[in-house]
Amino acid sequence: MTDNNEIKIFAGSSGEKFTEKICNYLNIKPGKSEVINFTEGNIMVRSNETVRDKDVYLVQSIGLRPNNEFTEILFWMDAFKRASAQSVTAIIPFFSYAQGDKKDEPRVSIRGRVCAESIELAGADRVITMDLHSPQIQGFFKKPVDHLYAMPILCEYFKNNYDLSNTVVVSPDAGFAKEARRYSAYLNRPVAIGDKRRLYHDENAEILEIIGDVKGRDALIFDDFSISGGTLVDLAKSLKNRGANKVFAGLSHILLNDKGVNRIENSPIEKVVSTDSVNNNLVTDSERIKLVSVAPLFAETIYRVHNGFSVSSLFEGVPEKVLKSSNI
C-alpha cells in the first residue's frame, strides 16, 4: 500500500501477531527487534535495525500481563527516542489501565492518568488505541490520541452472518448505555439496558433488572471487554428468563481466562464475537467464540496518519477493503 521507506513498525512481546497482520495489509516488513526477559524478572528491549530519522510505530497491547506489557512500552519509547527516531507512535489496541479513570474512593490512584503521563514522558509523540473504557481518558494525554472503534467491524460481522430483523441490542449496564445506543443506531434495532450492581473490586456483578422489551426477540449484548464472562452469562440468563430467544454477544476486547471460556461454553450464549486486540490463545479453540481482526483498521489508520490524511471517517465506518481483510 505504501512504498515510503521512512515508516517502521515494530512489535512488542504482546503485539507480534497483530503487527504481522498490520504489515501484511500495508505490504511492508515488520521491524527487526527483540525482547529479552532476564531470570530475575527484568526486561530489555532492542531494535536490531536503525531508526534514525524514521517514523516509528510500536504495537503493544496492555492486556493479559498488564504490568510487564506497560513497562515494556516505556522501554520501547525510550529506546527509539535515544536511537534518534523522528517520531514514535504507541499503537495500543487494548489499554487495560484505562479502567482506572477516576478517584471514586479515598486514597486510590487514578491509574489511567499515571500510565498516560508515563508513556508520554518516555517519548511517545502519538497514541493510537481502540475502545477505551471511558472516552475521556483521551484527556489524560497531552499528545494526540486517535481513538478507534470496534463497532463497525462487530456490527458488520453480525449483519453479514445473522438475521437481525427480530433483534434487540442490549447494554450490560447503564454505564455502557450511550455506546449501546450507537450500536443500535448502526444496526437500526431497539435497545434494552441491564441494571447491574458491583459491590466489590472483583469480577462478579449482580444483574438486578432488564429495562426494555426483550420477550420473543433475539438479544445482542455489546460490551467493551470481559475477563471472567460472569456479567455476560448472568445477563444472558436474565434475558432468557424474560423470554428472549437466542442470545449473542459482541466484545471490543476479550480477556477471558480458562474459567471464563468454560463459563461461556456452558451458557445460553450462542456466540461471542470479539476482536484480536488482545493475543489470547485461550479463546481460539472455542466453538462459541469468534474473533474478527481489527489489525486492518489499525493499519489503515497508520497509513493515513503517516501520509497526512484524515482518520475521522474511520471512527464511525470503515472502508470495504478493511472489512474484507478483517475475517468477517
C-alpha atoms as a PDB file:
ATOM      1  CA  MET A   1       0.000   0.000   0.000  1.00  0.00           C
ATOM      2  CA  THR A   2       2.857   2.382   0.731  1.00  0.00           C
ATOM      3  CA  ASP A   3       6.405   2.448  -0.522  1.00  0.00           C
ATOM      4  CA  ASN A   4       7.508   5.128   1.920  1.00  0.00           C
ATOM      5  CA  ASN A   5      10.679   3.738   3.469  1.00  0.00           C
ATOM      6  CA  GLU A   6      10.517   6.168   6.393  1.00  0.00           C
ATOM      7  CA  ILE A   7       7.858   4.084   8.184  1.00  0.00           C
ATOM      8  CA  LYS A   8       8.970   1.422  10.667  1.00  0.00           C
ATOM      9  CA  ILE A   9       6.516  -0.823  12.540  1.00  0.00           C
ATOM     10  CA  PHE A  10       7.858  -2.842  15.457  1.00  0.00           C
ATOM     11  CA  ALA A  11       6.171  -5.435  17.659  1.00  0.00           C
ATOM     12  CA  GLY A  12       6.267  -5.605  21.425  1.00  0.00           C
ATOM     13  CA  SER A  13       6.035  -9.042  23.043  1.00  0.00           C
ATOM     14  CA  SER A  14       2.205  -8.947  23.110  1.00  0.00           C
ATOM     15  CA  GLY A  15       1.875  -7.472  19.621  1.00  0.00           C
ATOM     16  CA  GLU A  16       3.723  -9.868  17.334  1.00  0.00           C
ATOM     17  CA  LYS A  17       0.722 -11.465  15.586  1.00  0.00           C
ATOM     18  CA  PHE A  18      -1.105  -8.148  15.399  1.00  0.00           C
ATOM     19  CA  THR A  19       1.955  -6.480  13.865  1.00  0.00           C
ATOM     20  CA  GLU A  20       2.230  -9.194  11.201  1.00  0.00           C
ATOM     21  CA  LYS A  21      -1.364  -8.543  10.165  1.00  0.00           C
ATOM     22  CA  ILE A  22      -0.784  -4.777  10.062  1.00  0.00           C
ATOM     23  CA  CYS A  23       2.318  -5.194   7.923  1.00  0.00           C
ATOM     24  CA  ASN A  24       0.566  -7.636   5.575  1.00  0.00           C
ATOM     25  CA  TYR A  25      -2.141  -5.038   4.978  1.00  0.00           C
ATOM     26  CA  LEU A  26       0.455  -2.326   4.328  1.00  0.00           C
ATOM     27  CA  ASN A  27       2.665  -4.662   2.283  1.00  0.00           C
ATOM     28  CA  ILE A  28       5.764  -3.921   4.347  1.00  0.00           C
ATOM     29  CA  LYS A  29       8.005  -5.982   6.609  1.00  0.00           C
ATOM     30  CA  PRO A  30       7.950  -5.672  10.419  1.00  0.00           C
ATOM     31  CA  GLY A  31      10.948  -4.044  12.039  1.00  0.00           C
ATOM     32  CA  LYS A  32      13.610  -6.337  13.451  1.00  0.00           C
ATOM     33  CA  SER A  33      13.628  -6.273  17.227  1.00  0.00           C
ATOM     34  CA  GLU A  34      13.841  -8.429  20.324  1.00  0.00           C
ATOM     35  CA  VAL A  35      12.611  -8.514  23.902  1.00  0.00           C
ATOM     36  CA  ILE A  36      14.865 -10.171  26.475  1.00  0.00           C
ATOM     37  CA  ASN A  37      13.396 -11.412  29.759  1.00  0.00           C
ATOM     38  CA  PHE A  38      16.046 -11.991  32.410  1.00  0.00           C
ATOM     39  CA  THR A  39      15.635 -14.654  35.070  1.00  0.00           C
ATOM     40  CA  GLU A  40      15.167 -12.152  37.900  1.00  0.00           C
ATOM     41  CA  GLY A  41      12.266 -10.531  36.024  1.00  0.00           C
ATOM     42  CA  ASN A  42      13.952  -7.580  34.336  1.00  0.00           C
ATOM     43  CA  ILE A  43      13.069  -6.736  30.733  1.00  0.00           C
ATOM     44  CA  MET A  44      15.322  -5.388  27.995  1.00  0.00           C
ATOM     45  CA  VAL A  45      14.148  -4.302  24.536  1.00  0.00           C
ATOM     46  CA  ARG A  46      16.318  -3.696  21.488  1.00  0.00           C
ATOM     47  CA  SER A  47      15.813  -2.597  17.897  1.00  0.00           C
ATOM     48  CA  ASN A  48      18.009  -4.603  15.557  1.00  0.00           C
ATOM     49  CA  GLU A  49      17.887  -2.054  12.769  1.00  0.00           C
ATOM     50  CA  THR A  50      18.428   1.688  12.508  1.00  0.00           C
ATOM     51  CA  VAL A  51      15.530   4.028  13.166  1.00  0.00           C
ATOM     52  CA  ARG A  52      17.406   7.322  12.824  1.00  0.00           C
ATOM     53  CA  ASP A  53      15.112   9.970  11.326  1.00  0.00           C
ATOM     54  CA  LYS A  54      12.355   7.365  10.824  1.00  0.00           C
ATOM     55  CA  ASP A  55       8.713   7.496  11.867  1.00  0.00           C
ATOM     56  CA  VAL A  56       8.409   4.557  14.260  1.00  0.00           C
ATOM     57  CA  TYR A  57       5.259   2.694  15.323  1.00  0.00           C
ATOM     58  CA  LEU A  58       5.338   0.288  18.290  1.00  0.00           C
ATOM     59  CA  VAL A  59       2.479  -2.237  18.566  1.00  0.00           C
ATOM     60  CA  GLN A  60       1.780  -3.489  22.096  1.00  0.00           C
ATOM     61  CA  SER A  61      -1.486  -4.192  23.893  1.00  0.00           C
ATOM     62  CA  ILE A  62      -1.669  -3.749  27.652  1.00  0.00           C
ATOM     63  CA  GLY A  63      -3.749  -6.839  28.253  1.00  0.00           C
ATOM     64  CA  LEU A  64      -3.148 -10.214  29.856  1.00  0.00           C
ATOM     65  CA  ARG A  65       0.145  -9.223  31.544  1.00  0.00           C
ATOM     66  CA  PRO A  66      -0.552  -5.529  32.077  1.00  0.00           C
ATOM     67  CA  ASN A  67       2.370  -4.665  34.340  1.00  0.00           C
ATOM     68  CA  ASN A  68       5.017  -6.238  32.103  1.00  0.00           C
ATOM     69  CA  GLU A  69       3.399  -5.003  28.894  1.00  0.00           C
ATOM     70  CA  PHE A  70       3.070  -1.433  30.179  1.00  0.00           C
ATOM     71  CA  THR A  71       6.669  -1.384  31.402  1.00  0.00           C
ATOM     72  CA  GLU A  72       7.831  -2.721  28.050  1.00  0.00           C
ATOM     73  CA  ILE A  73       6.100   0.149  26.228  1.00  0.00           C
ATOM     74  CA  LEU A  74       8.051   2.655  28.347  1.00  0.00           C
ATOM     75  CA  PHE A  75      11.345   0.960  27.485  1.00  0.00           C
ATOM     76  CA  TRP A  76      10.457   0.887  23.771  1.00  0.00           C
ATOM     77  CA  MET A  77       9.575   4.590  23.724  1.00  0.00           C
ATOM     78  CA  ASP A  78      12.871   5.436  25.403  1.00  0.00           C
ATOM     79  CA  ALA A  79      14.899   3.125  23.158  1.00  0.00           C
ATOM     80  CA  PHE A  80      13.516   4.618  19.941  1.00  0.00           C
ATOM     81  CA  LYS A  81      13.954   8.190  21.125  1.00  0.00           C
ATOM     82  CA  ARG A  82      17.558   7.513  22.146  1.00  0.00           C
ATOM     83  CA  ALA A  83      18.110   5.959  18.704  1.00  0.00           C
ATOM     84  CA  SER A  84      17.103   9.315  17.123  1.00  0.00           C
ATOM     85  CA  ALA A  85      13.757   8.290  15.660  1.00  0.00           C
ATOM     86  CA  GLN A  86      11.972  11.229  14.075  1.00  0.00           C
ATOM     87  CA  SER A  87       8.674  10.335  15.779  1.00  0.00           C
ATOM     88  CA  VAL A  88       7.375   7.475  17.909  1.00  0.00           C
ATOM     89  CA  THR A  89       3.731   6.364  17.946  1.00  0.00           C
ATOM     90  CA  ALA A  90       2.434   3.881  20.518  1.00  0.00           C
ATOM     91  CA  ILE A  91      -0.148   1.541  18.981  1.00  0.00           C
ATOM     92  CA  ILE A  92      -2.077   0.178  21.990  1.00  0.00           C
ATOM     93  CA  PRO A  93      -5.056  -1.879  20.731  1.00  0.00           C
ATOM     94  CA  PHE A  94      -6.179  -2.539  24.324  1.00  0.00           C
ATOM     95  CA  PHE A  95      -5.252  -0.152  27.145  1.00  0.00           C
ATOM     96  CA  SER A  96      -6.020  -2.154  30.299  1.00  0.00           C
ATOM     97  CA  TYR A  97      -5.332   0.548  32.860  1.00  0.00           C
ATOM     98  CA  ALA A  98      -7.974   2.753  31.245  1.00  0.00           C
ATOM     99  CA  GLN A  99     -10.326   1.126  33.762  1.00  0.00           C
ATOM    100  CA  GLY A 100      -8.643   3.267  36.447  1.00  0.00           C
ATOM    101  CA  ASP A 101     -10.120   6.523  35.158  1.00  0.00           C
ATOM    102  CA  LYS A 102     -11.288   8.234  38.352  1.00  0.00           C
ATOM    103  CA  LYS A 103     -10.763   8.628  42.084  1.00  0.00           C
ATOM    104  CA  ASP A 104     -14.014   7.086  43.278  1.00  0.00           C
ATOM    105  CA  GLU A 105     -12.896   6.254  46.805  1.00  0.00           C
ATOM    106  CA  PRO A 106     -10.322   7.653  49.276  1.00  0.00           C
ATOM    107  CA  ARG A 107      -6.564   7.110  48.910  1.00  0.00           C
ATOM    108  CA  VAL A 108      -6.507   5.482  45.463  1.00  0.00           C
ATOM    109  CA  SER A 109      -4.540   6.280  42.331  1.00  0.00           C
ATOM    110  CA  ILE A 110      -6.056   7.374  39.014  1.00  0.00           C
ATOM    111  CA  ARG A 111      -4.080   4.663  37.257  1.00  0.00           C
ATOM    112  CA  GLY A 112      -5.063   5.569  33.712  1.00  0.00           C
ATOM    113  CA  ARG A 113      -3.693   9.082  34.111  1.00  0.00           C
ATOM    114  CA  VAL A 114      -0.426   7.812  35.624  1.00  0.00           C
ATOM    115  CA  CYS A 115       0.062   5.415  32.711  1.00  0.00           C
ATOM    116  CA  ALA A 116      -0.762   8.065  30.106  1.00  0.00           C
ATOM    117  CA  GLU A 117       1.692  10.537  31.580  1.00  0.00           C
ATOM    118  CA  SER A 118       4.417   7.889  31.842  1.00  0.00           C
ATOM    119  CA  ILE A 119       4.033   6.832  28.203  1.00  0.00           C
ATOM    120  CA  GLU A 120       4.357  10.441  27.085  1.00  0.00           C
ATOM    121  CA  LEU A 121       7.333  11.153  29.354  1.00  0.00           C
ATOM    122  CA  ALA A 122       9.071   8.062  27.970  1.00  0.00           C
ATOM    123  CA  GLY A 123       8.876   9.538  24.481  1.00  0.00           C
ATOM    124  CA  ALA A 124       5.544   8.835  22.740  1.00  0.00           C
ATOM    125  CA  ASP A 125       4.562  11.536  20.240  1.00  0.00           C
ATOM    126  CA  ARG A 126       1.179  10.000  19.472  1.00  0.00           C
ATOM    127  CA  VAL A 127      -1.090   7.177  20.676  1.00  0.00           C
ATOM    128  CA  ILE A 128      -3.480   5.066  18.622  1.00  0.00           C
ATOM    129  CA  THR A 129      -5.863   2.904  20.636  1.00  0.00           C
ATOM    130  CA  MET A 130      -9.365   1.398  20.484  1.00  0.00           C
ATOM    131  CA  ASP A 131     -12.470   1.488  22.666  1.00  0.00           C
ATOM    132  CA  LEU A 132     -11.079   2.944  25.855  1.00  0.00           C
ATOM    133  CA  HIS A 133     -13.111   2.030  28.928  1.00  0.00           C
ATOM    134  CA  SER A 134     -14.046   5.720  29.164  1.00  0.00           C
ATOM    135  CA  PRO A 135     -13.565   8.068  26.180  1.00  0.00           C
ATOM    136  CA  GLN A 136     -12.492  10.957  28.431  1.00  0.00           C
ATOM    137  CA  ILE A 137      -9.234   9.084  29.096  1.00  0.00           C
ATOM    138  CA  GLN A 138      -8.018  10.717  25.887  1.00  0.00           C
ATOM    139  CA  GLY A 139      -7.784  13.855  28.011  1.00  0.00           C
ATOM    140  CA  PHE A 140      -5.152  12.192  30.212  1.00  0.00           C
ATOM    141  CA  PHE A 141      -2.748  12.575  27.276  1.00  0.00           C
ATOM    142  CA  LYS A 142      -1.293  15.885  26.143  1.00  0.00           C
ATOM    143  CA  LYS A 143      -0.164  14.385  22.824  1.00  0.00           C
ATOM    144  CA  PRO A 144      -2.603  13.439  20.015  1.00  0.00           C
ATOM    145  CA  VAL A 145      -4.735  10.319  20.554  1.00  0.00           C
ATOM    146  CA  ASP A 146      -6.567   8.525  17.740  1.00  0.00           C
ATOM    147  CA  HIS A 147      -9.398   6.639  19.428  1.00  0.00           C
ATOM    148  CA  LEU A 148     -10.752   3.930  17.120  1.00  0.00           C
ATOM    149  CA  TYR A 149     -13.985   1.956  17.496  1.00  0.00           C
ATOM    150  CA  ALA A 150     -14.606  -1.754  17.046  1.00  0.00           C
ATOM    151  CA  MET A 151     -18.314  -1.049  16.498  1.00  0.00           C
ATOM    152  CA  PRO A 152     -18.346  -1.071  12.657  1.00  0.00           C
ATOM    153  CA  ILE A 153     -16.309  -4.289  12.490  1.00  0.00           C
ATOM    154  CA  LEU A 154     -18.509  -6.106  15.037  1.00  0.00           C
ATOM    155  CA  CYS A 155     -21.765  -4.802  13.561  1.00  0.00           C
ATOM    156  CA  GLU A 156     -20.811  -5.750  10.024  1.00  0.00           C
ATOM    157  CA  TYR A 157     -19.991  -9.273  11.185  1.00  0.00           C
ATOM    158  CA  PHE A 158     -23.433  -9.718  12.751  1.00  0.00           C
ATOM    159  CA  LYS A 159     -25.161  -8.097   9.749  1.00  0.00           C
ATOM    160  CA  ASN A 160     -23.356 -10.428   7.343  1.00  0.00           C
ATOM    161  CA  ASN A 161     -23.869 -13.632   9.315  1.00  0.00           C
ATOM    162  CA  TYR A 162     -27.203 -13.375  11.158  1.00  0.00           C
ATOM    163  CA  ASP A 163     -30.779 -12.295  10.595  1.00  0.00           C
ATOM    164  CA  LEU A 164     -31.181  -9.255  12.845  1.00  0.00           C
ATOM    165  CA  SER A 165     -34.775  -8.413  11.894  1.00  0.00           C
ATOM    166  CA  ASN A 166     -36.091  -9.541  15.304  1.00  0.00           C
ATOM    167  CA  THR A 167     -33.118  -8.493  17.429  1.00  0.00           C
ATOM    168  CA  VAL A 168     -32.747  -6.087  20.335  1.00  0.00           C
ATOM    169  CA  VAL A 169     -29.354  -4.579  21.260  1.00  0.00           C
ATOM    170  CA  VAL A 170     -28.638  -4.953  24.984  1.00  0.00           C
ATOM    171  CA  SER A 171     -26.311  -2.885  27.158  1.00  0.00           C
ATOM    172  CA  PRO A 172     -24.958  -4.788  30.204  1.00  0.00           C
ATOM    173  CA  ASP A 173     -25.369  -1.720  32.434  1.00  0.00           C
ATOM    174  CA  ALA A 174     -26.317   1.936  32.467  1.00  0.00           C
ATOM    175  CA  GLY A 175     -22.687   2.987  32.068  1.00  0.00           C
ATOM    176  CA  PHE A 176     -22.492   1.406  28.614  1.00  0.00           C
ATOM    177  CA  ALA A 177     -25.954   2.612  27.535  1.00  0.00           C
ATOM    178  CA  LYS A 178     -24.644   5.504  25.418  1.00  0.00           C
ATOM    179  CA  GLU A 179     -22.363   3.163  23.497  1.00  0.00           C
ATOM    180  CA  ALA A 180     -25.160   0.608  23.143  1.00  0.00           C
ATOM    181  CA  ARG A 181     -27.316   3.267  21.520  1.00  0.00           C
ATOM    182  CA  ARG A 182     -24.566   3.824  18.943  1.00  0.00           C
ATOM    183  CA  TYR A 183     -24.637   0.095  18.174  1.00  0.00           C
ATOM    184  CA  SER A 184     -28.430   0.092  17.958  1.00  0.00           C
ATOM    185  CA  ALA A 185     -28.384   3.103  15.623  1.00  0.00           C
ATOM    186  CA  TYR A 186     -25.816   1.429  13.363  1.00  0.00           C
ATOM    187  CA  LEU A 187     -27.920  -1.752  13.205  1.00  0.00           C
ATOM    188  CA  ASN A 188     -31.253   0.114  13.247  1.00  0.00           C
ATOM    189  CA  ARG A 189     -32.512  -2.035  16.117  1.00  0.00           C
ATOM    190  CA  PRO A 190     -34.137  -1.163  19.503  1.00  0.00           C
ATOM    191  CA  VAL A 191     -32.098  -1.122  22.699  1.00  0.00           C
ATOM    192  CA  ALA A 192     -32.535  -2.585  26.199  1.00  0.00           C
ATOM    193  CA  ILE A 193     -30.383  -1.942  29.274  1.00  0.00           C
ATOM    194  CA  GLY A 194     -29.302  -4.257  32.076  1.00  0.00           C
ATOM    195  CA  ASP A 195     -29.319  -2.880  35.607  1.00  0.00           C
ATOM    196  CA  LYS A 196     -26.033  -4.200  37.064  1.00  0.00           C
ATOM    197  CA  ARG A 197     -24.579  -3.735  40.534  1.00  0.00           C
ATOM    198  CA  ARG A 198     -20.962  -4.425  41.531  1.00  0.00           C
ATOM    199  CA  LEU A 199     -20.312  -4.255  45.258  1.00  0.00           C
ATOM    200  CA  TYR A 200     -16.615  -5.183  45.466  1.00  0.00           C
ATOM    201  CA  HIS A 201     -13.366  -4.967  43.487  1.00  0.00           C
ATOM    202  CA  ASP A 202     -13.859  -8.367  41.898  1.00  0.00           C
ATOM    203  CA  GLU A 203     -15.181  -9.723  38.612  1.00  0.00           C
ATOM    204  CA  ASN A 204     -18.659 -10.517  39.932  1.00  0.00           C
ATOM    205  CA  ALA A 205     -21.687  -8.341  39.347  1.00  0.00           C
ATOM    206  CA  GLU A 206     -25.378  -8.790  40.086  1.00  0.00           C
ATOM    207  CA  ILE A 207     -27.998  -8.257  37.367  1.00  0.00           C
ATOM    208  CA  LEU A 208     -30.979  -6.628  39.062  1.00  0.00           C
ATOM    209  CA  GLU A 209     -33.341  -5.857  36.179  1.00  0.00           C
ATOM    210  CA  ILE A 210     -33.673  -5.560  32.384  1.00  0.00           C
ATOM    211  CA  ILE A 211     -35.018  -2.216  31.156  1.00  0.00           C
ATOM    212  CA  GLY A 212     -36.707  -2.699  27.786  1.00  0.00           C
ATOM    213  CA  ASP A 213     -38.730  -5.260  25.843  1.00  0.00           C
ATOM    214  CA  VAL A 214     -36.817  -8.478  25.069  1.00  0.00           C
ATOM    215  CA  LYS A 215     -39.618 -11.068  25.080  1.00  0.00           C
ATOM    216  CA  GLY A 216     -39.792 -13.071  21.856  1.00  0.00           C
ATOM    217  CA  ARG A 217     -36.705 -11.370  20.428  1.00  0.00           C
ATOM    218  CA  ASP A 218     -33.100 -12.355  19.844  1.00  0.00           C
ATOM    219  CA  ALA A 219     -30.768 -10.406  22.129  1.00  0.00           C
ATOM    220  CA  LEU A 220     -27.403  -8.995  21.065  1.00  0.00           C
ATOM    221  CA  ILE A 221     -25.273  -7.894  24.050  1.00  0.00           C
ATOM    222  CA  PHE A 222     -22.434  -5.446  23.418  1.00  0.00           C
ATOM    223  CA  ASP A 223     -19.707  -4.539  25.925  1.00  0.00           C
ATOM    224  CA  ASP A 224     -16.156  -3.208  25.823  1.00  0.00           C
ATOM    225  CA  PHE A 225     -14.435  -6.228  27.395  1.00  0.00           C
ATOM    226  CA  SER A 226     -14.867  -9.357  29.512  1.00  0.00           C
ATOM    227  CA  ILE A 227     -12.433 -11.087  31.861  1.00  0.00           C
ATOM    228  CA  SER A 228     -14.454 -13.748  33.678  1.00  0.00           C
ATOM    229  CA  GLY A 229     -17.543 -13.862  31.463  1.00  0.00           C
ATOM    230  CA  GLY A 230     -19.672 -13.551  34.591  1.00  0.00           C
ATOM    231  CA  THR A 231     -21.631 -10.445  33.586  1.00  0.00           C
ATOM    232  CA  LEU A 232     -22.295 -11.763  30.076  1.00  0.00           C
ATOM    233  CA  VAL A 233     -23.536 -15.141  31.297  1.00  0.00           C
ATOM    234  CA  ASP A 234     -25.687 -13.712  34.116  1.00  0.00           C
ATOM    235  CA  LEU A 235     -27.192 -11.179  31.731  1.00  0.00           C
ATOM    236  CA  ALA A 236     -27.858 -13.904  29.154  1.00  0.00           C
ATOM    237  CA  LYS A 237     -29.681 -15.967  31.799  1.00  0.00           C
ATOM    238  CA  SER A 238     -31.750 -12.954  32.828  1.00  0.00           C
ATOM    239  CA  LEU A 239     -32.638 -12.283  29.205  1.00  0.00           C
ATOM    240  CA  LYS A 240     -33.728 -15.894  28.688  1.00  0.00           C
ATOM    241  CA  ASN A 241     -35.796 -15.757  31.894  1.00  0.00           C
ATOM    242  CA  ARG A 242     -37.574 -12.724  30.480  1.00  0.00           C
ATOM    243  CA  GLY A 243     -38.484 -14.506  27.257  1.00  0.00           C
ATOM    244  CA  ALA A 244     -35.597 -13.685  24.930  1.00  0.00           C
ATOM    245  CA  ASN A 245     -34.945 -16.189  22.133  1.00  0.00           C
ATOM    246  CA  LYS A 246     -31.306 -16.562  21.086  1.00  0.00           C
ATOM    247  CA  VAL A 247     -28.603 -14.560  22.863  1.00  0.00           C
ATOM    248  CA  PHE A 248     -25.396 -13.343  21.212  1.00  0.00           C
ATOM    249  CA  ALA A 249     -22.595 -11.074  22.447  1.00  0.00           C
ATOM    250  CA  GLY A 250     -20.099  -8.703  20.872  1.00  0.00           C
ATOM    251  CA  LEU A 251     -16.961  -7.528  22.697  1.00  0.00           C
ATOM    252  CA  SER A 252     -14.330  -4.981  21.737  1.00  0.00           C
ATOM    253  CA  HIS A 253     -11.673  -6.866  23.729  1.00  0.00           C
ATOM    254  CA  ILE A 254     -11.631 -10.434  25.061  1.00  0.00           C
ATOM    255  CA  LEU A 255      -9.501 -11.307  28.094  1.00  0.00           C
ATOM    256  CA  LEU A 256     -11.297 -14.487  29.163  1.00  0.00           C
ATOM    257  CA  ASN A 257      -9.364 -16.916  31.349  1.00  0.00           C
ATOM    258  CA  ASP A 258      -9.927 -20.706  31.401  1.00  0.00           C
ATOM    259  CA  LYS A 259     -12.875 -20.443  33.765  1.00  0.00           C
ATOM    260  CA  GLY A 260     -14.355 -17.670  31.667  1.00  0.00           C
ATOM    261  CA  VAL A 261     -14.154 -19.716  28.482  1.00  0.00           C
ATOM    262  CA  ASN A 262     -15.796 -22.681  30.217  1.00  0.00           C
ATOM    263  CA  ARG A 263     -18.486 -20.375  31.586  1.00  0.00           C
ATOM    264  CA  ILE A 264     -19.272 -19.111  28.083  1.00  0.00           C
ATOM    265  CA  GLU A 265     -19.321 -22.638  26.627  1.00  0.00           C
ATOM    266  CA  ASN A 266     -21.862 -23.754  29.239  1.00  0.00           C
ATOM    267  CA  SER A 267     -24.051 -20.665  28.998  1.00  0.00           C
ATOM    268  CA  PRO A 268     -27.152 -19.724  26.987  1.00  0.00           C
ATOM    269  CA  ILE A 269     -24.989 -17.527  24.721  1.00  0.00           C
ATOM    270  CA  GLU A 270     -24.969 -18.859  21.160  1.00  0.00           C
ATOM    271  CA  LYS A 271     -21.831 -16.984  20.045  1.00  0.00           C
ATOM    272  CA  VAL A 272     -19.422 -14.404  21.447  1.00  0.00           C
ATOM    273  CA  VAL A 273     -17.760 -12.290  18.747  1.00  0.00           C
ATOM    274  CA  SER A 274     -14.720 -10.222  19.691  1.00  0.00           C
ATOM    275  CA  THR A 275     -11.619  -8.689  18.138  1.00  0.00           C
ATOM    276  CA  ASP A 276      -7.985  -9.748  18.171  1.00  0.00           C
ATOM    277  CA  SER A 277      -6.886  -6.637  20.095  1.00  0.00           C
ATOM    278  CA  VAL A 278      -5.506  -8.959  22.798  1.00  0.00           C
ATOM    279  CA  ASN A 279      -3.440 -12.025  21.882  1.00  0.00           C
ATOM    280  CA  ASN A 280      -5.462 -14.506  23.952  1.00  0.00           C
ATOM    281  CA  ASN A 281      -4.673 -18.107  22.994  1.00  0.00           C
ATOM    282  CA  LEU A 282      -7.266 -19.432  25.461  1.00  0.00           C
ATOM    283  CA  VAL A 283     -10.191 -18.421  23.237  1.00  0.00           C
ATOM    284  CA  THR A 284      -9.019 -19.599  19.833  1.00  0.00           C
ATOM    285  CA  ASP A 285     -10.219 -23.204  20.162  1.00  0.00           C
ATOM    286  CA  SER A 286     -13.684 -22.446  21.498  1.00  0.00           C
ATOM    287  CA  GLU A 287     -16.578 -23.043  19.083  1.00  0.00           C
ATOM    288  CA  ARG A 288     -18.638 -20.457  20.971  1.00  0.00           C
ATOM    289  CA  ILE A 289     -16.095 -17.668  20.398  1.00  0.00           C
ATOM    290  CA  LYS A 290     -15.329 -15.986  17.077  1.00  0.00           C
ATOM    291  CA  LEU A 291     -12.505 -13.492  16.549  1.00  0.00           C
ATOM    292  CA  VAL A 292     -12.541 -10.817  13.862  1.00  0.00           C
ATOM    293  CA  SER A 293      -9.420  -8.804  13.169  1.00  0.00           C
ATOM    294  CA  VAL A 294      -9.080  -5.072  13.754  1.00  0.00           C
ATOM    295  CA  ALA A 295      -5.451  -5.091  12.585  1.00  0.00           C
ATOM    296  CA  PRO A 296      -6.534  -3.820   9.120  1.00  0.00           C
ATOM    297  CA  LEU A 297      -8.358  -0.943  10.834  1.00  0.00           C
ATOM    298  CA  PHE A 298      -5.179  -0.014  12.714  1.00  0.00           C
ATOM    299  CA  ALA A 299      -3.120  -0.451   9.537  1.00  0.00           C
ATOM    300  CA  GLU A 300      -5.397   1.911   7.628  1.00  0.00           C
ATOM    301  CA  THR A 301      -5.087   4.422  10.481  1.00  0.00           C
ATOM    302  CA  ILE A 302      -1.294   4.180  10.456  1.00  0.00           C
ATOM    303  CA  TYR A 303      -1.262   4.702   6.686  1.00  0.00           C
ATOM    304  CA  ARG A 304      -3.464   7.783   6.941  1.00  0.00           C
ATOM    305  CA  VAL A 305      -1.581   9.295   9.877  1.00  0.00           C
ATOM    306  CA  HIS A 306       1.775   8.636   8.221  1.00  0.00           C
ATOM    307  CA  ASN A 307       0.712  10.227   4.948  1.00  0.00           C
ATOM    308  CA  GLY A 308      -1.158  13.174   6.445  1.00  0.00           C
ATOM    309  CA  PHE A 309      -4.696  12.020   5.587  1.00  0.00           C
ATOM    310  CA  SER A 310      -7.766  12.401   7.808  1.00  0.00           C
ATOM    311  CA  VAL A 311      -8.719   9.474  10.063  1.00  0.00           C
ATOM    312  CA  SER A 312     -12.028  10.881  11.328  1.00  0.00           C
ATOM    313  CA  SER A 313     -14.086   8.891   8.823  1.00  0.00           C
ATOM    314  CA  LEU A 314     -12.810   5.668  10.419  1.00  0.00           C
ATOM    315  CA  PHE A 315     -14.479   6.490  13.730  1.00  0.00           C
ATOM    316  CA  GLU A 316     -17.972   5.581  12.508  1.00  0.00           C
ATOM    317  CA  GLY A 317     -17.412   3.411   9.433  1.00  0.00           C
ATOM    318  CA  VAL A 318     -14.570   1.620   7.707  1.00  0.00           C
ATOM    319  CA  PRO A 319     -13.658   1.154   4.015  1.00  0.00           C
ATOM    320  CA  GLU A 320     -14.692  -2.028   2.248  1.00  0.00           C
ATOM    321  CA  LYS A 321     -11.050  -3.083   1.852  1.00  0.00           C
ATOM    322  CA  VAL A 322     -10.684  -3.048   5.657  1.00  0.00           C
ATOM    323  CA  LEU A 323     -13.800  -5.185   6.112  1.00  0.00           C
ATOM    324  CA  LYS A 324     -12.566  -7.698   3.556  1.00  0.00           C
ATOM    325  CA  SER A 325      -9.297  -8.061   5.487  1.00  0.00           C
ATOM    326  CA  SER A 326     -10.969  -8.422   8.891  1.00  0.00           C
ATOM    327  CA  ASN A 327     -12.106 -12.069   8.685  1.00  0.00           C
ATOM    328  CA  ILE A 328     -15.779 -11.030   8.502  1.00  0.00           C
END
